[in-house]
Amino acid sequence: MDYQKQIDTFVRYFKSAESKKEDHKIGMEFEHLILNEDLTAVDYFGEQGIESLLHSLGQGEWEKVYEKEHLIGLKANEKIVTLEPGGQLEISIAPFPGLEKTEKIYLEFIEELKEILNKRGQKLAVLGYQPRSSIKDIPMLPKKRYDFMYKYFKNTGKYAHHMMKGTASVQMNIDYINEKDYTKKMRVGYFLSPLIYYLFDNTPFFEGQPAANSSIREEIWTNCDSQRSGIIEGIFDKEFGYSDYAEYLLNTPPIIRKKEEELLYTDDQLLKNVMENDKLEEVEHFISMVFPDVRTKKYIEIRSADALPYPYNFAFAALLKSLFYNQENLDYLYQLSLSYNQQQFLKFREEILRTEKNSKREKLIIEIFKRAEAALDQPDLNYLKELKKLYLDYGRFKFKTLSNLKQGKKEALDWCLLN
C-alpha cells in the first residue's frame, strides 16, 4: 500500500467509530494481581498457577481461549478475561451508558474469583505494581505476541520489561462525536494525564522496596519505549486529528505483523514499510501495538491510572465521565490546554509530577473536584466523595499504604487485597 492509502485506511477506521452524544458509553478494563499468601506473584504454570485458575473460573457461560495447548483467556457475553505478560488478570467489560451495569458485572466477577482464590490460599490484589516479587522472578506468559515484545523491548527503555510483567492499571474508554470532538478530547486527555498519574498513584512498592517518590507508573512508561509510549509528538502543537494519529502509527515500528493468522516479528521496521492491506483484523492489531498515555482505538482510551481497589476504580470512571461527557467541563479544560504548546506542556507535566508542593496542581485538582461534583448525579457522586476523602486524608493512594507500613507490608496493603 502507498502511504496515503495507509493513512486513509486508519482515518476511515476512526471515522467509523463516531457516534451521537446521546449514544455515548463508558468502557472499562480492570487489571489485577494474583498473589500468594506471602505477597509474591503467582506463577502462570503449575497446579496452583494462573492457568489452572482460569480453568477453575471458566465454567458455565465462559468460552475458553487457547494459544496452542495453553489457556490464556475467557470470553462471555458482556465480559472478556485476558492475561498480561506477567500473569496479571484483566477483565474488560462491554461499554454501557452509565456505570451501574459495569459495577454489577465487575462485582459479580470479583466474588466468583475471590471464592476460587480463597480455596487456593491466594490473594487478589489491586495495585499498580507487584508488591514483593521482582520481574526477574516472574516467568513470561506462553504467548507468541509477548515473546516478540519481550525480545524487541530488550533494546528500548530500561523499564520496558517491568511494564510488561510488573504493572497493573484501570483504563477507561471514551466515545467521540466527530473529528472536532475527537481532537478536543485527545488534547484534554493528554492535558489531564499528569494529574491522573498523580491522583491515581497506587504503587507503594517497586521491586519490593517502598516507593514514595513521583509516580512509578509514569516513570516506567517514560522509560519503556519513546516511540510508542508516553506523549505523542505534536499533540500540543497543532489540531491533532485522525490523519495525525494515523501518521504516528505508520512511523512507529509495530514489532509484530499478522499474515494469514501467523504472527511475524518485524523488529525495528516502521509500520508504513510493512503494512500491506486494509484488513480489519490487521488494522486493529497495529492499533493495539502502541501504548501512549492516551490511545485511539474505536474510542479514546485513558491509560495513566494505576489499578485501584473498589470503589475507587469507579471513582476514577465517575471523575472522567464528569470531565469528558459534560460539555462545559470539557470546554473549560480544552481552553486551559490551549495555553500550552508541546514544550510548555512537558514543563507543566514535570511540575505536576515531581514538585512536592505545587500550588498550581492543588488549585487545579480542587477545581476539577468542584466541577465534577456539580456535573454528577447519584450514585456517581458517591464514588467521587470516596475519592475526595482519600485525597484529603492521604494525598496520593500509595501514601495510605505507606503510612501504615510499620504494621507490616501485608497489613498495610490489606485495603488493596480484595479477599
Protein backbone atom coordinates (compact mmCIF):
# COMPACT_ATOMS: atom_id res chain seq x y z
CA MET A 1 0.00 0.00 0.00
CA ASP A 2 1.20 3.52 -0.67
CA TYR A 3 1.48 5.92 2.26
CA GLN A 4 -1.68 7.93 1.54
CA LYS A 5 -3.79 4.76 1.23
CA GLN A 6 -2.39 3.61 4.57
CA ILE A 7 -3.37 6.92 6.17
CA ASP A 8 -6.83 6.74 4.60
CA THR A 9 -7.33 3.22 5.98
CA PHE A 10 -6.82 4.38 9.56
CA VAL A 11 -8.83 7.58 9.05
CA ARG A 12 -11.79 5.52 7.79
CA TYR A 13 -11.46 3.26 10.82
CA PHE A 14 -11.50 6.17 13.30
CA LYS A 15 -14.35 7.88 11.45
CA SER A 16 -16.42 4.71 11.55
CA ALA A 17 -16.37 4.91 15.37
CA GLU A 18 -18.10 8.31 15.55
CA SER A 19 -21.38 8.30 17.46
CA LYS A 20 -24.08 10.71 18.59
CA LYS A 21 -23.62 12.30 22.00
CA GLU A 22 -26.76 10.65 23.34
CA ASP A 23 -25.33 7.25 22.37
CA HIS A 24 -22.01 7.68 24.16
CA LYS A 25 -20.95 4.91 26.51
CA ILE A 26 -18.22 4.09 29.01
CA GLY A 27 -15.99 1.05 28.58
CA MET A 28 -13.71 -0.15 31.36
CA GLU A 29 -10.78 -2.52 31.79
CA PHE A 30 -9.60 -3.64 35.23
CA GLU A 31 -6.26 -5.36 35.84
CA HIS A 32 -5.49 -7.38 38.99
CA LEU A 33 -2.51 -9.13 40.55
CA ILE A 34 -2.86 -12.72 41.76
CA LEU A 35 -0.60 -13.22 44.79
CA ASN A 36 0.49 -15.99 47.10
CA GLU A 37 -0.04 -15.68 50.84
CA ASP A 38 3.43 -14.09 51.18
CA LEU A 39 2.50 -11.46 48.52
CA THR A 40 4.75 -12.94 45.82
CA ALA A 41 3.36 -13.24 42.29
CA VAL A 42 1.54 -16.47 41.41
CA ASP A 43 3.24 -18.24 38.50
CA TYR A 44 1.28 -18.94 35.31
CA PHE A 45 2.40 -22.60 35.34
CA GLY A 46 1.77 -25.38 37.84
CA GLU A 47 -1.13 -26.85 39.80
CA GLN A 48 -1.77 -23.59 41.64
CA GLY A 49 -0.84 -21.33 38.73
CA ILE A 50 -2.79 -18.73 36.77
CA GLU A 51 -3.65 -21.20 34.00
CA SER A 52 -5.29 -23.58 36.47
CA LEU A 53 -7.12 -20.58 37.98
CA LEU A 54 -8.59 -19.82 34.54
CA HIS A 55 -9.71 -23.46 34.22
CA SER A 56 -11.49 -23.20 37.59
CA LEU A 57 -13.02 -19.85 36.67
CA GLY A 58 -14.02 -20.81 33.15
CA GLN A 59 -17.18 -22.77 33.91
CA GLY A 60 -20.75 -22.18 32.73
CA GLU A 61 -21.10 -19.17 30.42
CA TRP A 62 -17.39 -18.79 29.67
CA GLU A 63 -15.77 -19.76 26.37
CA LYS A 64 -12.13 -20.74 26.82
CA VAL A 65 -9.42 -19.15 24.65
CA TYR A 66 -6.24 -21.09 23.95
CA GLU A 67 -2.88 -20.44 22.35
CA LYS A 68 -1.70 -23.90 21.30
CA GLU A 69 -2.25 -26.05 24.41
CA HIS A 70 -2.28 -23.20 26.93
CA LEU A 71 -5.41 -21.50 28.28
CA ILE A 72 -4.84 -17.72 28.04
CA GLY A 73 -8.30 -16.16 28.31
CA LEU A 74 -12.06 -16.43 28.73
CA LYS A 75 -14.98 -14.88 26.85
CA ALA A 76 -18.60 -14.33 27.84
CA ASN A 77 -21.43 -12.17 26.56
CA GLU A 78 -20.50 -8.84 28.21
CA LYS A 79 -17.01 -9.50 29.54
CA ILE A 80 -13.62 -10.83 28.49
CA VAL A 81 -10.79 -12.08 30.72
CA THR A 82 -7.26 -11.80 29.36
CA LEU A 83 -3.77 -12.16 30.82
CA GLU A 84 -0.95 -9.64 30.64
CA PRO A 85 2.65 -10.86 30.09
CA GLY A 86 3.40 -11.44 33.79
CA GLY A 87 0.10 -13.17 34.52
CA GLN A 88 -1.82 -10.02 35.52
CA LEU A 89 -5.52 -10.81 35.15
CA GLU A 90 -7.68 -8.28 33.29
CA ILE A 91 -11.43 -8.16 32.92
CA SER A 92 -12.76 -5.96 30.10
CA ILE A 93 -16.45 -5.12 30.37
CA ALA A 94 -18.68 -4.12 27.45
CA PRO A 95 -19.45 -0.38 27.27
CA PHE A 96 -22.68 0.92 28.82
CA PRO A 97 -24.17 4.43 29.07
CA GLY A 98 -23.70 4.55 32.86
CA LEU A 99 -21.61 2.78 35.49
CA GLU A 100 -24.35 0.76 37.24
CA LYS A 101 -24.30 -2.26 34.89
CA THR A 102 -20.50 -2.22 34.73
CA GLU A 103 -20.34 -2.23 38.53
CA LYS A 104 -22.77 -5.16 38.78
CA ILE A 105 -20.80 -7.27 36.27
CA TYR A 106 -17.49 -6.37 37.89
CA LEU A 107 -18.57 -7.16 41.47
CA GLU A 108 -20.17 -10.46 40.45
CA PHE A 109 -16.94 -11.43 38.70
CA ILE A 110 -14.82 -10.44 41.71
CA GLU A 111 -16.98 -12.53 44.05
CA GLU A 112 -16.62 -15.54 41.75
CA LEU A 113 -12.86 -15.03 41.53
CA LYS A 114 -12.43 -14.50 45.28
CA GLU A 115 -14.27 -17.72 46.09
CA ILE A 116 -11.78 -19.70 43.99
CA LEU A 117 -8.74 -17.83 45.32
CA ASN A 118 -9.77 -18.27 48.95
CA LYS A 119 -9.88 -22.06 48.44
CA ARG A 120 -6.39 -21.89 46.93
CA GLY A 121 -4.95 -19.73 49.71
CA GLN A 122 -4.18 -16.94 47.24
CA LYS A 123 -4.96 -13.24 47.21
CA LEU A 124 -6.46 -10.79 44.73
CA ALA A 125 -4.51 -7.52 44.85
CA VAL A 126 -5.38 -4.24 43.17
CA LEU A 127 -2.11 -2.32 42.95
CA GLY A 128 -0.08 -0.57 40.29
CA TYR A 129 2.92 -2.90 40.65
CA GLN A 130 3.90 -6.21 42.18
CA PRO A 131 4.41 -5.61 45.94
CA ARG A 132 7.14 -8.18 46.59
CA SER A 133 8.27 -10.12 43.52
CA SER A 134 10.98 -8.84 41.20
CA ILE A 135 10.26 -9.09 37.49
CA LYS A 136 13.28 -11.38 37.04
CA ASP A 137 11.40 -13.94 39.13
CA ILE A 138 8.16 -13.76 37.09
CA PRO A 139 8.06 -16.02 34.02
CA MET A 140 6.52 -14.79 30.79
CA LEU A 141 3.10 -15.94 29.71
CA PRO A 142 3.40 -18.55 26.89
CA LYS A 143 2.08 -16.27 24.17
CA LYS A 144 3.94 -15.60 20.93
CA ARG A 145 2.96 -11.92 20.85
CA TYR A 146 4.53 -11.40 24.27
CA ASP A 147 7.69 -13.30 23.31
CA PHE A 148 8.23 -10.95 20.36
CA MET A 149 7.51 -7.89 22.51
CA TYR A 150 9.95 -9.07 25.19
CA LYS A 151 12.62 -9.56 22.53
CA TYR A 152 12.03 -6.11 20.99
CA PHE A 153 11.97 -4.29 24.34
CA LYS A 154 15.44 -5.58 25.23
CA ASN A 155 16.75 -2.69 23.12
CA THR A 156 14.42 0.10 24.26
CA GLY A 157 13.84 1.71 27.68
CA LYS A 158 15.27 0.32 30.91
CA TYR A 159 11.80 -0.36 32.38
CA ALA A 160 10.13 -1.95 29.35
CA HIS A 161 10.18 -5.44 30.87
CA HIS A 162 8.95 -4.03 34.18
CA MET A 163 5.99 -2.60 32.27
CA MET A 164 5.22 -5.99 30.76
CA LYS A 165 5.50 -8.19 33.83
CA GLY A 166 5.02 -5.93 36.85
CA THR A 167 2.36 -3.29 36.24
CA ALA A 168 -1.44 -3.24 36.57
CA SER A 169 -3.91 -0.48 35.72
CA VAL A 170 -7.51 0.60 35.35
CA GLN A 171 -8.44 2.07 31.96
CA MET A 172 -11.48 3.93 30.71
CA ASN A 173 -12.74 4.27 27.15
CA ILE A 174 -14.50 7.41 25.90
CA ASP A 175 -16.58 7.92 22.74
CA TYR A 176 -16.38 10.90 20.37
CA ILE A 177 -18.92 12.60 18.10
CA ASN A 178 -16.73 13.60 15.15
CA GLU A 179 -13.15 14.63 14.39
CA LYS A 180 -13.53 18.01 16.09
CA ASP A 181 -14.76 16.34 19.28
CA TYR A 182 -12.00 13.72 18.96
CA THR A 183 -9.33 16.43 18.68
CA LYS A 184 -10.66 18.20 21.76
CA LYS A 185 -10.87 15.02 23.85
CA MET A 186 -7.41 13.81 22.83
CA ARG A 187 -5.85 17.12 23.81
CA VAL A 188 -7.75 17.23 27.13
CA GLY A 189 -6.77 13.61 27.78
CA TYR A 190 -3.09 14.47 27.45
CA PHE A 191 -3.50 17.68 29.44
CA LEU A 192 -5.00 15.65 32.30
CA SER A 193 -2.53 12.75 32.05
CA PRO A 194 -0.01 14.06 34.61
CA LEU A 195 -2.85 14.75 37.05
CA ILE A 196 -4.17 11.21 36.51
CA TYR A 197 -0.70 9.77 37.11
CA TYR A 198 -0.50 11.86 40.28
CA LEU A 199 -4.03 11.40 41.68
CA PHE A 200 -4.28 7.67 40.96
CA ASP A 201 -0.76 6.67 42.02
CA ASN A 202 -1.30 3.33 43.76
CA THR A 203 2.24 1.93 43.54
CA PRO A 204 3.66 1.94 47.08
CA PHE A 205 6.38 -0.61 46.20
CA PHE A 206 8.76 -1.05 43.28
CA GLU A 207 10.82 -4.23 43.03
CA GLY A 208 9.86 -4.97 46.63
CA GLN A 209 11.02 -1.64 48.10
CA PRO A 210 8.91 1.34 49.29
CA ALA A 211 8.36 3.91 46.51
CA ALA A 212 7.45 7.29 47.97
CA ASN A 213 8.76 9.34 45.05
CA SER A 214 6.83 10.50 41.97
CA SER A 215 4.55 8.14 40.04
CA ILE A 216 6.29 4.82 39.36
CA ARG A 217 3.80 4.13 36.58
CA GLU A 218 4.78 7.32 34.77
CA GLU A 219 8.48 6.56 35.28
CA ILE A 220 8.08 3.05 33.89
CA TRP A 221 6.15 4.19 30.81
CA THR A 222 8.53 7.10 30.18
CA ASN A 223 11.40 4.59 30.21
CA CYS A 224 9.65 1.90 28.18
CA ASP A 225 9.87 2.86 24.51
CA SER A 226 9.90 6.51 23.50
CA GLN A 227 8.48 5.69 20.06
CA ARG A 228 5.27 4.06 21.30
CA SER A 229 4.65 5.18 24.90
CA GLY A 230 4.26 8.43 26.82
CA ILE A 231 3.31 11.56 24.88
CA ILE A 232 2.74 11.67 21.13
CA GLU A 233 4.94 14.22 19.38
CA GLY A 234 2.87 17.14 18.11
CA ILE A 235 -0.20 16.53 20.25
CA PHE A 236 0.02 20.09 21.65
CA ASP A 237 1.49 21.85 18.65
CA LYS A 238 -1.50 21.67 16.29
CA GLU A 239 -5.06 20.46 15.85
CA PHE A 240 -4.29 16.77 16.20
CA GLY A 241 -6.84 14.75 14.18
CA TYR A 242 -7.40 11.33 12.64
CA SER A 243 -4.69 11.61 9.99
CA ASP A 244 -2.17 12.80 12.57
CA TYR A 245 -2.76 9.72 14.70
CA ALA A 246 -2.53 7.60 11.55
CA GLU A 247 0.88 9.12 10.76
CA TYR A 248 2.00 8.48 14.33
CA LEU A 249 1.09 4.80 13.90
CA LEU A 250 2.71 4.50 10.47
CA ASN A 251 6.01 5.97 11.67
CA THR A 252 6.28 3.62 14.66
CA PRO A 253 7.64 0.06 14.47
CA PRO A 254 4.71 -2.34 15.03
CA ILE A 255 7.05 -5.09 16.41
CA ILE A 256 4.71 -7.75 15.00
CA ARG A 257 2.56 -8.12 11.92
CA LYS A 258 -0.08 -10.69 11.09
CA LYS A 259 0.00 -12.69 7.87
CA GLU A 260 -2.60 -15.41 7.29
CA GLU A 261 -3.18 -15.73 11.06
CA GLU A 262 0.56 -16.10 11.72
CA LEU A 263 2.49 -13.55 13.79
CA LEU A 264 5.75 -12.34 12.22
CA TYR A 265 8.47 -10.36 14.00
CA THR A 266 9.19 -7.06 12.21
CA ASP A 267 11.97 -5.79 14.51
CA ASP A 268 12.55 -2.02 14.02
CA GLN A 269 10.84 -1.67 10.63
CA LEU A 270 8.28 1.14 10.58
CA LEU A 271 4.63 0.24 10.08
CA LYS A 272 4.48 2.14 6.77
CA ASN A 273 7.07 -0.31 5.43
CA VAL A 274 5.27 -3.49 6.50
CA MET A 275 1.55 -2.68 6.17
CA GLU A 276 0.26 -4.40 3.03
CA ASN A 277 -3.55 -4.25 3.20
CA ASP A 278 -6.57 -2.75 4.93
CA LYS A 279 -7.95 -5.93 6.53
CA LEU A 280 -9.83 -5.03 9.71
CA GLU A 281 -8.08 -7.65 11.85
CA GLU A 282 -4.65 -6.35 10.86
CA VAL A 283 -5.64 -2.69 11.29
CA GLU A 284 -6.85 -3.41 14.82
CA HIS A 285 -3.69 -5.38 15.59
CA PHE A 286 -1.46 -2.47 14.52
CA ILE A 287 -3.51 -0.02 16.61
CA SER A 288 -3.00 -2.25 19.65
CA MET A 289 0.80 -2.18 19.31
CA VAL A 290 1.32 1.39 20.54
CA PHE A 291 0.90 2.41 24.20
CA PRO A 292 0.76 6.20 24.58
CA ASP A 293 -0.80 7.79 27.67
CA VAL A 294 -3.97 8.39 25.62
CA ARG A 295 -4.62 5.90 22.84
CA THR A 296 -7.07 5.81 19.93
CA LYS A 297 -8.93 2.66 19.01
CA LYS A 298 -12.66 2.84 18.25
CA TYR A 299 -12.71 5.10 21.28
CA ILE A 300 -10.25 7.23 23.24
CA GLU A 301 -8.51 5.19 25.91
CA ILE A 302 -7.25 6.87 29.11
CA ARG A 303 -4.29 4.82 30.35
CA SER A 304 -2.46 6.73 33.12
CA ALA A 305 -4.09 5.34 36.28
CA ASP A 306 -2.76 2.51 38.43
CA ALA A 307 -5.06 -0.37 39.32
CA LEU A 308 -7.36 0.76 42.14
CA PRO A 309 -9.44 -1.17 44.69
CA TYR A 310 -13.22 -0.90 44.63
CA PRO A 311 -14.91 1.62 44.88
CA TYR A 312 -12.02 3.89 43.86
CA ASN A 313 -11.80 2.31 40.38
CA PHE A 314 -15.36 3.53 39.83
CA ALA A 315 -14.48 6.92 41.32
CA PHE A 316 -11.83 7.18 38.58
CA ALA A 317 -14.52 6.44 35.98
CA ALA A 318 -17.03 8.85 37.52
CA LEU A 319 -14.45 11.66 37.57
CA LEU A 320 -13.53 11.16 33.90
CA LYS A 321 -17.18 10.85 32.93
CA SER A 322 -17.85 14.25 34.51
CA LEU A 323 -14.93 15.84 32.65
CA PHE A 324 -15.26 14.32 29.17
CA TYR A 325 -19.03 13.89 28.83
CA ASN A 326 -20.05 17.21 30.37
CA GLN A 327 -19.61 19.79 27.59
CA GLU A 328 -18.96 22.72 29.91
CA ASN A 329 -16.20 20.86 31.76
CA LEU A 330 -14.65 19.57 28.53
CA ASP A 331 -14.62 23.06 27.02
CA TYR A 332 -13.10 24.51 30.21
CA LEU A 333 -10.23 22.00 30.21
CA TYR A 334 -9.71 22.39 26.47
CA GLN A 335 -9.33 26.16 26.86
CA LEU A 336 -6.82 25.62 29.68
CA SER A 337 -4.84 23.22 27.50
CA LEU A 338 -4.59 25.80 24.67
CA SER A 339 -2.23 27.81 26.89
CA TYR A 340 0.43 25.14 26.32
CA ASN A 341 2.47 24.10 23.33
CA GLN A 342 4.33 20.77 23.48
CA GLN A 343 7.41 22.20 25.20
CA GLN A 344 5.37 24.15 27.75
CA PHE A 345 3.22 21.11 28.48
CA LEU A 346 6.30 18.99 29.17
CA LYS A 347 7.43 21.57 31.72
CA PHE A 348 3.91 21.66 33.24
CA ARG A 349 3.96 17.85 33.41
CA GLU A 350 7.28 17.81 35.26
CA GLU A 351 5.98 20.36 37.77
CA ILE A 352 2.81 18.34 38.40
CA LEU A 353 4.65 15.05 38.89
CA ARG A 354 7.95 15.99 40.50
CA THR A 355 7.29 19.06 42.65
CA GLU A 356 6.41 18.04 46.21
CA LYS A 357 4.34 21.15 46.96
CA ASN A 358 2.76 22.68 43.90
CA SER A 359 0.03 25.30 44.30
CA LYS A 360 -0.90 25.14 40.58
CA ARG A 361 -1.51 21.40 40.86
CA GLU A 362 -3.56 21.72 44.06
CA LYS A 363 -5.71 24.52 42.64
CA LEU A 364 -6.40 22.50 39.50
CA ILE A 365 -7.32 19.36 41.47
CA ILE A 366 -9.69 21.36 43.69
CA GLU A 367 -11.29 22.97 40.63
CA ILE A 368 -11.70 19.59 38.94
CA PHE A 369 -13.35 18.08 42.01
CA LYS A 370 -15.67 21.09 42.25
CA ARG A 371 -16.70 20.83 38.60
CA ALA A 372 -17.13 17.06 38.81
CA GLU A 373 -19.37 17.35 41.87
CA ALA A 374 -21.59 19.83 40.05
CA ALA A 375 -21.85 17.59 36.97
CA LEU A 376 -22.55 14.19 38.56
CA ASP A 377 -25.77 12.62 39.81
CA GLN A 378 -26.11 9.86 42.39
CA PRO A 379 -24.67 7.22 42.65
CA ASP A 380 -21.66 8.53 40.68
CA LEU A 381 -21.36 11.35 43.19
CA ASN A 382 -20.87 8.81 45.98
CA TYR A 383 -17.83 7.38 44.21
CA LEU A 384 -16.36 10.85 43.86
CA LYS A 385 -16.89 11.60 47.57
CA GLU A 386 -14.87 8.49 48.45
CA LEU A 387 -12.06 9.63 46.17
CA LYS A 388 -12.06 13.17 47.52
CA LYS A 389 -11.97 11.93 51.12
CA LEU A 390 -8.98 9.69 50.43
CA TYR A 391 -7.18 12.55 48.67
CA LEU A 392 -7.80 14.96 51.55
CA ASP A 393 -6.65 12.35 54.10
CA TYR A 394 -3.60 10.95 52.33
CA GLY A 395 -2.91 12.77 49.06
CA ARG A 396 -1.97 10.00 46.66
CA PHE A 397 -3.29 6.45 47.05
CA LYS A 398 0.07 4.90 47.85
CA PHE A 399 0.50 7.09 50.91
CA LYS A 400 -2.41 5.32 52.62
CA THR A 401 -0.39 2.10 52.36
CA LEU A 402 2.97 3.65 53.22
CA SER A 403 1.53 5.46 56.25
CA ASN A 404 0.70 2.05 57.78
CA LEU A 405 3.92 0.26 56.78
CA LYS A 406 5.11 -0.06 60.39
CA GLN A 407 2.36 -2.64 60.87
CA GLY A 408 3.94 -4.80 58.17
CA LYS A 409 3.59 -4.90 54.40
CA LYS A 410 0.65 -7.31 54.35
CA GLU A 411 -1.26 -5.33 56.95
CA ALA A 412 -0.54 -2.02 55.22
CA LEU A 413 -1.82 -3.45 51.94
CA ASP A 414 -4.95 -5.00 53.43
CA TRP A 415 -7.24 -2.34 51.88
CA CYS A 416 -5.94 -3.28 48.40
CA LEU A 417 -6.40 -7.05 48.91
CA LEU A 418 -9.96 -7.86 47.88
CA ASN A 419 -10.20 -11.23 49.67
